[in-house]
Amino acid sequence: MMSFCLLIGQYLDSITKGTALQLPTFVWCLFTGVIIRNVLAHIFKFRVADSAIDVLGSVGLSIFLAIALMSLKLWELAGLATDVLIILAIQVAFMACFAIYVTYRAMGKDYDAIVLSAGHCGFGLGATPTAVANMQAITSRFGASHKAFLIVPMVGAFFIDLINASLLKVFLVVVTYLH
């Protein structure tokens, strides 16, 4: 089933490449997985093994994070350690305050809001894998939040792509204008 979602997601990505519907490939794969799971569960009354899906997701995320961390060359940043730690401390404090006082309250002050806030902190401090790792840390101890795992990766990736594209255009115009 997972391979099928990857194939369909890859196909949808190739169809939408260069159009207004272009999204990252993993968003299409995620979207396909959500549709297939809901169709199987609600239309065909098929019981999907949540524990198997959780194990596969955790293994995939762990492998990705291990590969990403292995490619870092931390010794090249040794001279910037103090500055990086100060920036990181400010960023962590700001994200924690924003997640507590804005995200948690705006999302409804319930368990899903807590998991969404953890995912938002992950985006604020890294990227999609960090958000998913944060959410998994909470849901592995306190229970699932399907809403958060649907909303955070899809919306986060979508907005990251839109905002990055817009910011790149703005900075290119500014640099071109100043040059």
Protein backbone atom coordinates (compact mmCIF):
# COMPACT_ATOMS: atom_id res chain seq x y z
CA MET A 1 0.00 0.00 0.00
CA MET A 2 2.86 2.36 0.83
CA SER A 3 4.56 1.69 -2.51
CA PHE A 4 1.28 2.28 -4.30
CA CYS A 5 0.92 5.68 -2.58
CA LEU A 6 4.47 6.56 -3.62
CA LEU A 7 3.79 5.56 -7.24
CA ILE A 8 0.53 7.50 -7.46
CA GLY A 9 2.13 10.51 -5.72
CA GLN A 10 5.03 10.45 -8.17
CA TYR A 11 2.59 10.23 -11.08
CA LEU A 12 0.51 13.17 -9.79
CA ASP A 13 3.71 15.17 -9.33
CA SER A 14 4.75 14.52 -12.94
CA ILE A 15 1.30 15.55 -14.21
CA THR A 16 1.23 18.82 -12.25
CA LYS A 17 4.86 19.83 -12.83
CA GLY A 18 4.98 23.33 -14.30
CA THR A 19 1.31 24.08 -13.53
CA ALA A 20 -0.38 26.12 -10.82
CA LEU A 21 -1.02 22.86 -8.91
CA GLN A 22 2.67 21.96 -8.60
CA LEU A 23 3.50 20.80 -5.08
CA PRO A 24 6.42 18.83 -3.62
CA THR A 25 6.27 15.13 -4.47
CA PHE A 26 5.89 14.07 -0.84
CA VAL A 27 2.72 16.18 -0.52
CA TRP A 28 1.13 14.27 -3.40
CA CYS A 29 2.22 10.96 -1.81
CA LEU A 30 0.76 12.06 1.53
CA PHE A 31 -2.47 13.19 -0.12
CA THR A 32 -2.74 9.85 -1.94
CA GLY A 33 -2.17 7.94 1.30
CA VAL A 34 -4.88 9.93 3.09
CA ILE A 35 -7.39 9.26 0.31
CA ILE A 36 -6.57 5.55 0.05
CA ARG A 37 -6.72 5.04 3.80
CA ASN A 38 -10.06 6.82 4.12
CA VAL A 39 -11.55 4.98 1.14
CA LEU A 40 -10.40 1.63 2.54
CA ALA A 41 -11.67 2.40 6.05
CA HIS A 42 -14.98 4.09 5.28
CA ILE A 43 -16.15 2.67 1.97
CA PHE A 44 -14.72 -0.86 1.98
CA LYS A 45 -14.73 -1.19 5.81
CA PHE A 46 -11.14 -2.48 5.64
CA ARG A 47 -9.24 -2.35 8.94
CA VAL A 48 -5.84 -0.76 8.40
CA ALA A 49 -3.06 -1.80 10.81
CA ASP A 50 -2.13 1.48 12.50
CA SER A 51 0.79 -0.07 14.36
CA ALA A 52 2.42 -1.23 11.10
CA ILE A 53 1.98 2.21 9.56
CA ASP A 54 3.49 3.84 12.67
CA VAL A 55 6.51 1.53 12.56
CA LEU A 56 7.13 2.20 8.85
CA GLY A 57 6.75 5.95 9.39
CA SER A 58 9.13 5.96 12.35
CA VAL A 59 11.74 3.91 10.50
CA GLY A 60 11.52 6.16 7.43
CA LEU A 61 11.81 9.33 9.51
CA SER A 62 14.72 7.91 11.52
CA ILE A 63 16.62 6.95 8.37
CA PHE A 64 16.02 10.38 6.83
CA LEU A 65 17.20 12.20 9.96
CA ALA A 66 20.28 9.98 10.26
CA ILE A 67 21.26 10.65 6.64
CA ALA A 68 20.65 14.39 7.05
CA LEU A 69 22.75 14.55 10.22
CA MET A 70 25.58 12.51 8.69
CA SER A 71 25.92 15.04 5.87
CA LEU A 72 26.48 17.95 8.28
CA LYS A 73 30.03 19.23 8.65
CA LEU A 74 29.81 20.66 12.15
CA TRP A 75 33.55 21.32 12.45
CA GLU A 76 33.20 24.01 9.76
CA LEU A 77 30.83 25.91 12.06
CA ALA A 78 33.06 25.79 15.16
CA GLY A 79 34.00 29.48 14.87
CA LEU A 80 30.35 30.49 14.78
CA ALA A 81 29.23 28.37 17.74
CA THR A 82 28.51 31.26 20.11
CA ASP A 83 26.54 33.24 17.53
CA VAL A 84 24.60 30.17 16.41
CA LEU A 85 23.71 29.26 20.01
CA ILE A 86 22.44 32.80 20.71
CA ILE A 87 20.33 32.79 17.55
CA LEU A 88 19.03 29.29 18.35
CA ALA A 89 18.11 30.28 21.92
CA ILE A 90 16.17 33.32 20.68
CA GLN A 91 14.45 31.25 17.99
CA VAL A 92 13.47 28.50 20.48
CA ALA A 93 12.09 31.06 22.95
CA PHE A 94 10.11 32.86 20.25
CA MET A 95 8.70 29.62 18.79
CA ALA A 96 7.73 28.30 22.22
CA CYS A 97 5.91 31.53 23.10
CA PHE A 98 4.21 31.69 19.71
CA ALA A 99 3.12 28.04 19.90
CA ILE A 100 1.77 28.44 23.44
CA TYR A 101 0.05 31.80 23.12
CA VAL A 102 -1.03 31.84 19.46
CA THR A 103 -1.06 28.41 17.79
CA TYR A 104 -2.46 26.43 20.73
CA ARG A 105 -5.27 28.92 21.34
CA ALA A 106 -6.09 29.43 17.66
CA MET A 107 -6.34 25.66 17.10
CA GLY A 108 -8.91 25.10 19.84
CA LYS A 109 -7.08 24.38 23.12
CA ASP A 110 -7.46 20.58 22.87
CA TYR A 111 -5.18 17.59 22.32
CA ASP A 112 -5.07 18.15 18.55
CA ALA A 113 -4.04 21.75 19.23
CA ILE A 114 -1.15 20.51 21.38
CA VAL A 115 0.10 18.19 18.64
CA LEU A 116 -0.38 20.92 16.01
CA SER A 117 1.62 23.32 18.20
CA ALA A 118 4.43 20.78 18.49
CA GLY A 119 4.44 20.44 14.71
CA HIS A 120 4.47 24.22 14.35
CA CYS A 121 7.52 24.36 16.64
CA GLY A 122 9.16 21.78 14.38
CA PHE A 123 8.57 23.97 11.34
CA GLY A 124 9.80 27.02 13.19
CA LEU A 125 13.00 25.27 14.20
CA GLY A 126 13.65 23.21 11.10
CA ALA A 127 11.46 21.70 8.44
CA THR A 128 8.82 19.05 7.82
CA PRO A 129 10.83 16.13 9.27
CA THR A 130 11.42 18.09 12.47
CA ALA A 131 7.71 18.87 12.72
CA VAL A 132 6.80 15.20 12.22
CA ALA A 133 9.41 14.08 14.77
CA ASN A 134 7.98 16.53 17.34
CA MET A 135 4.45 15.30 16.73
CA GLN A 136 5.54 11.65 16.93
CA ALA A 137 7.21 12.29 20.27
CA ILE A 138 3.88 13.45 21.70
CA THR A 139 1.58 10.96 19.98
CA SER A 140 3.75 7.96 20.84
CA ARG A 141 3.15 8.69 24.52
CA PHE A 142 -0.35 10.19 24.63
CA GLY A 143 -2.15 8.75 21.59
CA ALA A 144 -2.81 9.50 17.94
CA SER A 145 -3.86 12.81 16.42
CA HIS A 146 -4.83 12.11 12.83
CA LYS A 147 -5.89 15.72 12.27
CA ALA A 148 -2.43 17.04 13.15
CA PHE A 149 -0.62 14.52 10.95
CA LEU A 150 -2.86 15.51 8.06
CA ILE A 151 -2.71 19.27 8.54
CA VAL A 152 0.90 19.99 9.51
CA PRO A 153 2.82 18.29 6.67
CA MET A 154 0.42 19.31 3.91
CA VAL A 155 -0.22 22.90 4.95
CA GLY A 156 3.34 23.45 6.11
CA ALA A 157 4.89 22.22 2.88
CA PHE A 158 2.38 24.15 0.79
CA PHE A 159 3.02 27.43 2.61
CA ILE A 160 6.77 26.91 2.72
CA ASP A 161 6.81 26.54 -1.07
CA LEU A 162 4.62 29.62 -1.60
CA ILE A 163 6.50 31.81 0.86
CA ASN A 164 9.95 30.70 -0.34
CA ALA A 165 9.03 31.39 -3.97
CA SER A 166 7.62 34.82 -3.06
CA LEU A 167 10.61 35.77 -0.90
CA LEU A 168 13.06 34.70 -3.58
CA LYS A 169 11.27 36.88 -6.13
CA VAL A 170 11.23 39.86 -3.75
CA PHE A 171 14.94 39.54 -2.95
CA LEU A 172 15.81 39.13 -6.63
CA VAL A 173 13.89 42.31 -7.46
CA VAL A 174 15.58 44.19 -4.59
CA VAL A 175 19.06 42.99 -5.59
CA THR A 176 18.40 43.79 -9.25
CA TYR A 177 17.07 47.24 -8.34
CA LEU A 178 20.02 48.05 -6.06
CA HIS A 179 22.57 46.78 -8.52
